[in-house]
Amino acid sequence: MLQVTCAIIVHDDKILICQRSATMKLPLKWEFPGGKVEAGESKEECLRREVQEELGITIGIGQALTPVAYDYPAFSICLSPFVCTLESGTVRPTQHAQALWVNATELLDYDWAEADIPIVMEYLNQ
């Protein structure tokens, strides 16, 4: 099972969501940014590194939400979410098709990757 992190990045009452590119697994699905935890790396270190690499921004890591274990047809993940804040930088996606700042009330309007759906719901219900 892949250990993966994701960031619910909040800034000016908006939340950053990212659309996977057409060439990625789960093409064009929406997700919270993050990535795979590397050997010897904490979840928080992974999240800071991945967000910097994929989006060019620095984040502050706050509250952890409930991890989600999900079995996709070709792979399984354990997705560990954290509520984060934008500390510095301008979002410039390097791997995603697009990145958008949206209101929390708009989150359910997007076609999410299945593992992210319980995270969206927990965030909205907290």
Protein backbone atom coordinates (compact mmCIF):
# COMPACT_ATOMS: atom_id res chain seq x y z
CA MET A 1 0.00 0.00 0.00
CA LEU A 2 1.40 3.38 -1.02
CA GLN A 3 1.75 5.96 1.77
CA VAL A 4 0.58 9.29 0.36
CA THR A 5 -0.04 12.72 1.88
CA CYS A 6 -2.30 15.55 0.78
CA ALA A 7 -2.73 19.20 1.76
CA ILE A 8 -5.98 21.08 2.14
CA ILE A 9 -4.35 24.48 1.62
CA VAL A 10 -6.47 27.36 2.90
CA HIS A 11 -5.76 30.99 1.95
CA ASP A 12 -8.09 34.02 2.06
CA ASP A 13 -11.11 31.76 2.74
CA LYS A 14 -10.35 29.71 -0.41
CA ILE A 15 -9.07 26.13 -0.77
CA LEU A 16 -6.55 24.99 -3.38
CA ILE A 17 -7.63 22.02 -5.51
CA CYS A 18 -5.69 20.44 -8.37
CA GLN A 19 -6.79 18.58 -11.49
CA ARG A 20 -4.66 15.59 -12.47
CA SER A 21 -3.27 15.75 -16.00
CA ALA A 22 -4.63 13.56 -18.79
CA THR A 23 -1.46 11.41 -18.66
CA MET A 24 -1.50 10.70 -14.90
CA LYS A 25 -3.22 7.77 -13.18
CA LEU A 26 -6.83 8.85 -12.49
CA PRO A 27 -6.71 11.32 -15.42
CA LEU A 28 -8.49 14.67 -15.00
CA LYS A 29 -9.80 13.82 -11.52
CA TRP A 30 -9.54 16.53 -8.87
CA GLU A 31 -7.44 16.09 -5.74
CA PHE A 32 -5.74 17.91 -2.93
CA PRO A 33 -2.02 18.33 -3.75
CA GLY A 34 0.55 16.02 -2.20
CA GLY A 35 2.41 12.84 -3.03
CA LYS A 36 4.20 9.68 -2.01
CA VAL A 37 6.16 9.49 1.24
CA GLU A 38 9.79 8.58 0.55
CA ALA A 39 11.91 6.31 2.77
CA GLY A 40 13.02 8.06 5.95
CA GLU A 41 10.69 11.00 5.38
CA SER A 42 7.92 12.13 7.75
CA LYS A 43 4.46 12.81 6.35
CA GLU A 44 4.94 16.51 7.05
CA GLU A 45 8.33 16.57 5.28
CA CYS A 46 6.78 14.75 2.32
CA LEU A 47 3.96 17.25 2.10
CA ARG A 48 6.26 20.29 2.19
CA ARG A 49 8.53 18.76 -0.48
CA GLU A 50 5.73 17.63 -2.80
CA VAL A 51 3.83 20.93 -2.63
CA GLN A 52 7.05 22.87 -3.30
CA GLU A 53 7.95 20.60 -6.26
CA GLU A 54 4.46 20.43 -7.79
CA LEU A 55 3.19 23.96 -7.11
CA GLY A 56 6.18 26.15 -6.19
CA ILE A 57 4.71 27.28 -2.86
CA THR A 58 5.64 26.97 0.80
CA ILE A 59 2.98 25.80 3.25
CA GLY A 60 2.42 25.69 6.98
CA ILE A 61 1.09 22.35 8.18
CA GLY A 62 -1.72 22.29 10.71
CA GLN A 63 -4.37 19.79 11.81
CA ALA A 64 -4.21 16.19 10.59
CA LEU A 65 -7.51 14.73 9.39
CA THR A 66 -8.46 11.04 9.29
CA PRO A 67 -6.29 8.95 6.93
CA VAL A 68 -8.14 7.17 4.11
CA ALA A 69 -7.22 3.69 2.88
CA TYR A 70 -8.49 3.13 -0.64
CA ASP A 71 -8.11 0.29 -3.15
CA TYR A 72 -8.11 1.47 -6.75
CA PRO A 73 -8.18 -1.30 -9.40
CA ALA A 74 -4.42 -1.00 -10.11
CA PHE A 75 -3.04 0.16 -6.74
CA SER A 76 -3.88 0.83 -3.09
CA ILE A 77 -3.11 3.93 -1.05
CA CYS A 78 -3.26 5.21 2.48
CA LEU A 79 -3.89 8.94 2.07
CA SER A 80 -2.98 11.14 5.06
CA PRO A 81 -4.55 14.62 4.87
CA PHE A 82 -3.48 17.80 6.65
CA VAL A 83 -5.15 21.20 6.81
CA CYS A 84 -2.47 23.69 5.74
CA THR A 85 -1.94 27.38 5.07
CA LEU A 86 -0.14 29.16 2.25
CA GLU A 87 3.03 30.72 3.63
CA SER A 88 4.70 32.06 0.50
CA GLY A 89 4.88 31.82 -3.27
CA THR A 90 2.51 31.87 -6.21
CA VAL A 91 0.85 28.65 -7.34
CA ARG A 92 2.44 27.37 -10.58
CA PRO A 93 1.41 23.77 -11.28
CA THR A 94 4.17 21.71 -12.89
CA GLN A 95 2.38 18.34 -13.07
CA HIS A 96 -1.34 19.05 -12.81
CA ALA A 97 -3.62 20.21 -15.65
CA GLN A 98 -4.75 23.09 -13.46
CA ALA A 99 -4.93 24.38 -9.89
CA LEU A 100 -7.84 26.48 -8.62
CA TRP A 101 -8.69 28.40 -5.47
CA VAL A 102 -12.34 27.65 -4.65
CA ASN A 103 -14.80 28.31 -1.84
CA ALA A 104 -15.51 25.39 0.50
CA THR A 105 -19.12 25.49 -0.72
CA GLU A 106 -17.88 24.66 -4.25
CA LEU A 107 -15.85 21.56 -3.33
CA LEU A 108 -18.67 19.13 -4.10
CA ASP A 109 -18.99 20.56 -7.63
CA TYR A 110 -15.82 18.77 -8.81
CA ASP A 111 -15.12 15.19 -10.00
CA TRP A 112 -12.80 14.04 -7.19
CA ALA A 113 -10.43 11.07 -7.09
CA GLU A 114 -12.27 8.49 -4.99
CA ALA A 115 -9.78 8.49 -2.09
CA ASP A 116 -10.17 12.27 -1.71
CA ILE A 117 -13.97 12.19 -1.33
CA PRO A 118 -14.00 11.15 2.38
CA ILE A 119 -11.44 13.91 3.04
CA VAL A 120 -13.64 16.52 1.33
CA MET A 121 -16.58 15.34 3.43
CA GLU A 122 -14.63 15.40 6.72
CA TYR A 123 -13.28 18.87 5.99
CA LEU A 124 -16.76 20.20 5.19
CA ASN A 125 -18.26 18.61 8.32
CA GLN A 126 -15.67 19.80 10.86
